[in-house]
Each structure stands twice: as C-alpha cells, then as structure tokens.
Amino acid sequence: MPVGIDGPDFIALQVRDLRAAAEFCEKNLGLTRNPASPPGAVVFDTKPVPLAVRDPLPGTDLDAGRPGLGVALWFSTPDTQAFHEQLTANGVKILTPVTDSPFGPMFSFAGPEGYVLTVHQAR
C-alpha cells in the first residue's frame, strides 16, 4: 500500500532579524512563544500546526526576491474586521481590503520582513 502525507506539520518563515520577526508575531498576531524552541528559531504555540520564525538555513539568500514568493499562507481568525482594524491601528501594511471570498471574509497584509499573509474568517 502506498504511503503518503497527512498535511503540513510545521511551518517556518526564514527571516533576517529573528528578534524583530518574533516581536511582530507576538504584538500584531497575538501569538505566544513555545518554550521548546530550537536554537536559531522562535516557535509559536499555534494549532493545529506550529508556526515559527527562524534564521535562514544555509544556502538561503533572502535578498534574492520577495520572501515567500510563490507560497500562499492563510490563517483563520474569529473576526476578520476586528483583526484588520487592530493591524491597521498597529501600523501594519494592509495589502488588500477585507473582501468576501469562498472561505469567508479575507484580507492580506505584510507580515515579518514582507511575507504576504492572508487571514480569513471561517463561515
């Protein structure tokens, strides 16, 4: 019988400034650090999949293009409009306005070091 995968089990964003990226995630996204982070990374207690920011892996050139180019990262929130207002008040760059989508109200914003993050409110 063939063996496959179940889905994402861990997501890490490689960043130039680990401290600033971790602070962005705590202040603007409301994430809590997991005390069991490995060296060179900050892992957050997100469910069902842990999210981390980390120092670049060997051979990674973060100056070669926009961070995360070609990858879409979506997160859920219980209240898209309230989260949009919170990010706006914190000075976070909003990339798209709140719009309706098949996945519920959604918008995109610039995350740590320019990663494009999209958030939606599940219906």
Protein backbone atom coordinates (compact mmCIF):
# COMPACT_ATOMS: atom_id res chain seq x y z
CA MET A 1 0.00 0.00 0.00
CA PRO A 2 1.42 3.45 -0.92
CA VAL A 3 2.39 5.79 1.88
CA GLY A 4 1.50 9.49 1.65
CA ILE A 5 1.44 12.56 3.82
CA ASP A 6 -1.27 13.93 6.07
CA GLY A 7 -0.59 17.64 5.51
CA PRO A 8 1.56 20.42 6.92
CA ASP A 9 3.09 19.59 10.28
CA PHE A 10 5.36 22.60 10.78
CA ILE A 11 5.73 25.98 9.05
CA ALA A 12 8.78 28.21 9.47
CA LEU A 13 9.43 31.62 7.92
CA GLN A 14 13.12 32.31 7.39
CA VAL A 15 13.97 35.88 8.42
CA ARG A 16 16.98 38.20 8.64
CA ASP A 17 16.09 39.62 12.06
CA LEU A 18 14.77 36.86 14.30
CA ARG A 19 14.07 39.11 17.29
CA ALA A 20 12.08 41.67 15.27
CA ALA A 21 10.11 38.95 13.46
CA ALA A 22 9.23 37.23 16.75
CA GLU A 23 8.12 40.54 18.27
CA PHE A 24 5.96 41.27 15.19
CA CYS A 25 4.22 37.91 15.61
CA GLU A 26 3.62 38.46 19.31
CA LYS A 27 2.47 42.09 19.08
CA ASN A 28 0.45 42.02 15.87
CA LEU A 29 -0.70 38.42 15.54
CA GLY A 30 -1.20 37.67 19.24
CA LEU A 31 0.98 34.55 19.10
CA THR A 32 2.56 33.01 22.19
CA ARG A 33 6.07 31.57 22.17
CA ASN A 34 6.50 27.87 22.77
CA PRO A 35 9.29 27.46 25.36
CA ALA A 36 10.67 24.46 23.43
CA SER A 37 12.15 26.44 20.53
CA PRO A 38 15.37 25.12 18.96
CA PRO A 39 18.44 27.35 18.59
CA GLY A 40 18.04 29.96 15.86
CA ALA A 41 14.24 29.82 15.89
CA VAL A 42 11.20 31.00 17.79
CA VAL A 43 8.31 28.53 17.66
CA PHE A 44 4.81 29.72 18.48
CA ASP A 45 2.08 27.70 20.15
CA THR A 46 -0.27 27.64 17.15
CA LYS A 47 -2.79 24.89 16.49
CA PRO A 48 -3.05 22.54 14.72
CA VAL A 49 0.31 23.32 13.04
CA PRO A 50 3.21 25.04 14.82
CA LEU A 51 4.45 28.24 13.16
CA ALA A 52 7.99 29.54 13.64
CA VAL A 53 10.31 32.29 12.53
CA ARG A 54 13.90 31.22 12.13
CA ASP A 55 17.34 32.25 11.00
CA PRO A 56 17.94 31.43 7.32
CA LEU A 57 19.06 27.92 6.50
CA PRO A 58 22.47 27.53 4.85
CA GLY A 59 22.32 28.47 1.17
CA THR A 60 19.20 30.64 1.58
CA ASP A 61 19.52 34.12 0.08
CA LEU A 62 16.68 36.20 1.45
CA ASP A 63 17.78 39.12 -0.72
CA ALA A 64 17.15 37.18 -3.96
CA GLY A 65 13.45 38.12 -4.11
CA ARG A 66 10.30 38.77 -2.11
CA PRO A 67 10.10 36.46 0.93
CA GLY A 68 7.73 33.55 0.36
CA LEU A 69 7.30 34.23 -3.35
CA GLY A 70 5.07 31.50 -4.73
CA VAL A 71 3.70 30.36 -1.36
CA ALA A 72 0.29 31.39 -0.02
CA LEU A 73 -0.02 31.37 3.77
CA TRP A 74 -3.57 31.62 5.09
CA PHE A 75 -4.62 31.88 8.72
CA SER A 76 -8.04 31.94 10.35
CA THR A 77 -9.45 34.45 12.81
CA PRO A 78 -12.79 34.62 14.60
CA ASP A 79 -13.34 38.25 13.47
CA THR A 80 -11.72 39.43 10.23
CA GLN A 81 -12.87 43.04 10.52
CA ALA A 82 -11.69 43.45 14.11
CA PHE A 83 -8.32 41.88 13.27
CA HIS A 84 -8.00 44.19 10.23
CA GLU A 85 -8.69 47.21 12.46
CA GLN A 86 -6.16 46.01 15.05
CA LEU A 87 -3.41 45.59 12.45
CA THR A 88 -4.22 48.98 10.92
CA ALA A 89 -4.02 50.63 14.36
CA ASN A 90 -0.61 48.96 14.88
CA GLY A 91 0.66 50.40 11.58
CA VAL A 92 0.86 47.06 9.78
CA LYS A 93 0.78 47.44 5.98
CA ILE A 94 -2.54 46.13 4.66
CA LEU A 95 -2.16 44.77 1.11
CA THR A 96 -5.79 44.03 0.21
CA PRO A 97 -9.03 45.29 1.73
CA VAL A 98 -11.44 42.99 3.52
CA THR A 99 -13.40 41.23 0.78
CA ASP A 100 -15.77 38.30 0.64
CA SER A 101 -14.33 35.03 -0.61
CA PRO A 102 -15.45 31.39 -0.79
CA PHE A 103 -13.58 30.96 2.51
CA GLY A 104 -15.31 33.86 4.27
CA PRO A 105 -14.24 37.49 4.65
CA MET A 106 -10.49 37.81 3.98
CA PHE A 107 -7.63 40.26 3.53
CA SER A 108 -3.85 40.18 3.10
CA PHE A 109 -1.15 42.09 4.96
CA ALA A 110 2.62 42.35 5.10
CA GLY A 111 4.00 40.07 7.80
CA PRO A 112 7.53 39.84 9.15
CA GLU A 113 10.09 41.02 6.55
CA GLY A 114 7.47 41.34 3.81
CA TYR A 115 5.93 37.87 3.84
CA VAL A 116 2.41 38.18 2.46
CA LEU A 117 -0.04 36.70 4.99
CA THR A 118 -3.76 36.26 4.35
CA VAL A 119 -6.36 35.91 7.06
CA HIS A 120 -9.95 34.77 6.71
CA GLN A 121 -12.96 34.30 8.93
CA ALA A 122 -14.34 30.80 8.59
CA ARG A 123 -18.05 30.65 7.86
